[in-house]
Amino acid sequence: MNVFCISVSSTFFKHQRSFPWPAVVAVWLDHTSTALTAINEEGRSVTLAGDGRCDSPGHYPKYAKYTFIDMATGHVIGLHLVQVRHWS
């Protein structure tokens, strides 16, 4: 039939890696550096709260996300995604 098909999923992920992800990473790095600089300039001690979550579509989670928040300001200071087998 000579029908041309476009692989939607691979095209979508290629565009996602090329355009929105670099912008998201740049904003995230700017946010965290601004928050850490403000904490450093104030000269105060930092009280962090952390919370972890394991999510998976199956019974056994593969990844865990751990988030650190500065209790004084409520700003997210760190976000880490790790494989569950490395998390204890």
C-alpha atoms as a PDB file:
ATOM      1  CA  MET A   1       0.000   0.000   0.000  1.00  0.00           C
ATOM      2  CA  ASN A   2       3.010   2.318   0.281  1.00  0.00           C
ATOM      3  CA  VAL A   3       1.707   4.040   3.411  1.00  0.00           C
ATOM      4  CA  PHE A   4       4.190   6.185   5.293  1.00  0.00           C
ATOM      5  CA  CYS A   5       3.967   5.903   9.076  1.00  0.00           C
ATOM      6  CA  ILE A   6       5.456   8.186  11.693  1.00  0.00           C
ATOM      7  CA  SER A   7       6.438   6.638  14.977  1.00  0.00           C
ATOM      8  CA  VAL A   8       4.551   8.961  17.292  1.00  0.00           C
ATOM      9  CA  SER A   9       6.111   7.760  20.529  1.00  0.00           C
ATOM     10  CA  SER A  10       9.731   8.067  19.429  1.00  0.00           C
ATOM     11  CA  THR A  11       9.059  11.442  17.766  1.00  0.00           C
ATOM     12  CA  PHE A  12       7.336  12.699  20.904  1.00  0.00           C
ATOM     13  CA  PHE A  13      10.165  11.598  23.182  1.00  0.00           C
ATOM     14  CA  LYS A  14      12.786  13.055  20.830  1.00  0.00           C
ATOM     15  CA  HIS A  15      11.040  16.444  20.865  1.00  0.00           C
ATOM     16  CA  GLN A  16      10.518  16.211  24.617  1.00  0.00           C
ATOM     17  CA  ARG A  17      14.244  15.628  25.189  1.00  0.00           C
ATOM     18  CA  SER A  18      15.145  18.458  22.811  1.00  0.00           C
ATOM     19  CA  PHE A  19      12.840  21.253  23.963  1.00  0.00           C
ATOM     20  CA  PRO A  20      10.979  21.097  27.301  1.00  0.00           C
ATOM     21  CA  TRP A  21      13.487  19.068  29.337  1.00  0.00           C
ATOM     22  CA  PRO A  22      16.418  21.478  28.937  1.00  0.00           C
ATOM     23  CA  ALA A  23      14.111  24.338  29.965  1.00  0.00           C
ATOM     24  CA  VAL A  24      12.838  22.428  33.007  1.00  0.00           C
ATOM     25  CA  VAL A  25      16.378  21.555  34.083  1.00  0.00           C
ATOM     26  CA  ALA A  26      17.512  25.182  33.670  1.00  0.00           C
ATOM     27  CA  VAL A  27      14.606  26.482  35.783  1.00  0.00           C
ATOM     28  CA  TRP A  28      15.197  23.800  38.435  1.00  0.00           C
ATOM     29  CA  LEU A  29      18.915  24.599  38.708  1.00  0.00           C
ATOM     30  CA  ASP A  30      18.132  28.322  38.921  1.00  0.00           C
ATOM     31  CA  HIS A  31      15.540  27.689  41.656  1.00  0.00           C
ATOM     32  CA  THR A  32      17.800  25.529  43.794  1.00  0.00           C
ATOM     33  CA  SER A  33      20.834  27.782  43.430  1.00  0.00           C
ATOM     34  CA  THR A  34      18.720  30.831  44.358  1.00  0.00           C
ATOM     35  CA  ALA A  35      17.287  29.054  47.408  1.00  0.00           C
ATOM     36  CA  LEU A  36      20.688  27.820  48.597  1.00  0.00           C
ATOM     37  CA  THR A  37      22.281  31.238  48.028  1.00  0.00           C
ATOM     38  CA  ALA A  38      19.529  32.909  50.071  1.00  0.00           C
ATOM     39  CA  ILE A  39      20.061  30.440  52.919  1.00  0.00           C
ATOM     40  CA  ASN A  40      23.820  31.021  52.791  1.00  0.00           C
ATOM     41  CA  GLU A  41      23.464  34.832  52.776  1.00  0.00           C
ATOM     42  CA  GLU A  42      21.097  34.760  55.750  1.00  0.00           C
ATOM     43  CA  GLY A  43      23.670  32.742  57.659  1.00  0.00           C
ATOM     44  CA  ARG A  44      21.024  30.600  59.285  1.00  0.00           C
ATOM     45  CA  SER A  45      21.069  26.907  59.951  1.00  0.00           C
ATOM     46  CA  VAL A  46      18.949  24.750  57.712  1.00  0.00           C
ATOM     47  CA  THR A  47      16.226  22.457  58.966  1.00  0.00           C
ATOM     48  CA  LEU A  48      15.350  19.965  56.268  1.00  0.00           C
ATOM     49  CA  ALA A  49      12.401  17.631  56.087  1.00  0.00           C
ATOM     50  CA  GLY A  50      12.487  14.688  53.734  1.00  0.00           C
ATOM     51  CA  ASP A  51       9.940  12.296  52.362  1.00  0.00           C
ATOM     52  CA  GLY A  52      10.341   9.297  50.105  1.00  0.00           C
ATOM     53  CA  ARG A  53       7.870   7.521  47.897  1.00  0.00           C
ATOM     54  CA  CYS A  54       8.035   4.323  45.879  1.00  0.00           C
ATOM     55  CA  ASP A  55       5.627   4.041  42.988  1.00  0.00           C
ATOM     56  CA  SER A  56       5.308   1.406  40.350  1.00  0.00           C
ATOM     57  CA  PRO A  57       2.572   0.061  38.101  1.00  0.00           C
ATOM     58  CA  GLY A  58       3.362  -3.451  39.355  1.00  0.00           C
ATOM     59  CA  HIS A  59       3.691  -5.044  42.765  1.00  0.00           C
ATOM     60  CA  TYR A  60       7.384  -4.293  43.155  1.00  0.00           C
ATOM     61  CA  PRO A  61       8.493  -0.690  42.796  1.00  0.00           C
ATOM     62  CA  LYS A  62      11.597  -0.015  40.755  1.00  0.00           C
ATOM     63  CA  TYR A  63      12.209   3.648  41.563  1.00  0.00           C
ATOM     64  CA  ALA A  64      11.946   5.793  44.669  1.00  0.00           C
ATOM     65  CA  LYS A  65      11.700   9.579  44.751  1.00  0.00           C
ATOM     66  CA  TYR A  66      13.026  11.415  47.788  1.00  0.00           C
ATOM     67  CA  THR A  67      12.335  15.115  48.336  1.00  0.00           C
ATOM     68  CA  PHE A  68      14.016  17.548  50.752  1.00  0.00           C
ATOM     69  CA  ILE A  69      12.207  20.720  51.856  1.00  0.00           C
ATOM     70  CA  ASP A  70      13.578  23.674  53.836  1.00  0.00           C
ATOM     71  CA  MET A  71      11.205  23.936  56.793  1.00  0.00           C
ATOM     72  CA  ALA A  72      11.689  27.697  57.287  1.00  0.00           C
ATOM     73  CA  THR A  73      10.749  28.700  53.742  1.00  0.00           C
ATOM     74  CA  GLY A  74       8.914  25.662  52.396  1.00  0.00           C
ATOM     75  CA  HIS A  75      11.150  25.595  49.314  1.00  0.00           C
ATOM     76  CA  VAL A  76      12.132  22.294  47.750  1.00  0.00           C
ATOM     77  CA  ILE A  77      15.907  22.052  48.098  1.00  0.00           C
ATOM     78  CA  GLY A  78      16.555  18.633  46.623  1.00  0.00           C
ATOM     79  CA  LEU A  79      14.796  15.928  44.678  1.00  0.00           C
ATOM     80  CA  HIS A  80      16.433  12.564  44.083  1.00  0.00           C
ATOM     81  CA  LEU A  81      15.242   9.625  42.004  1.00  0.00           C
ATOM     82  CA  VAL A  82      16.953   6.341  42.822  1.00  0.00           C
ATOM     83  CA  GLN A  83      16.421   2.690  42.089  1.00  0.00           C
ATOM     84  CA  VAL A  84      14.764   0.990  45.046  1.00  0.00           C
ATOM     85  CA  ARG A  85      17.470  -1.657  45.323  1.00  0.00           C
ATOM     86  CA  HIS A  86      19.952   1.159  46.150  1.00  0.00           C
ATOM     87  CA  TRP A  87      17.646   2.785  48.692  1.00  0.00           C
ATOM     88  CA  SER A  88      17.642   1.563  52.267  1.00  0.00           C
END
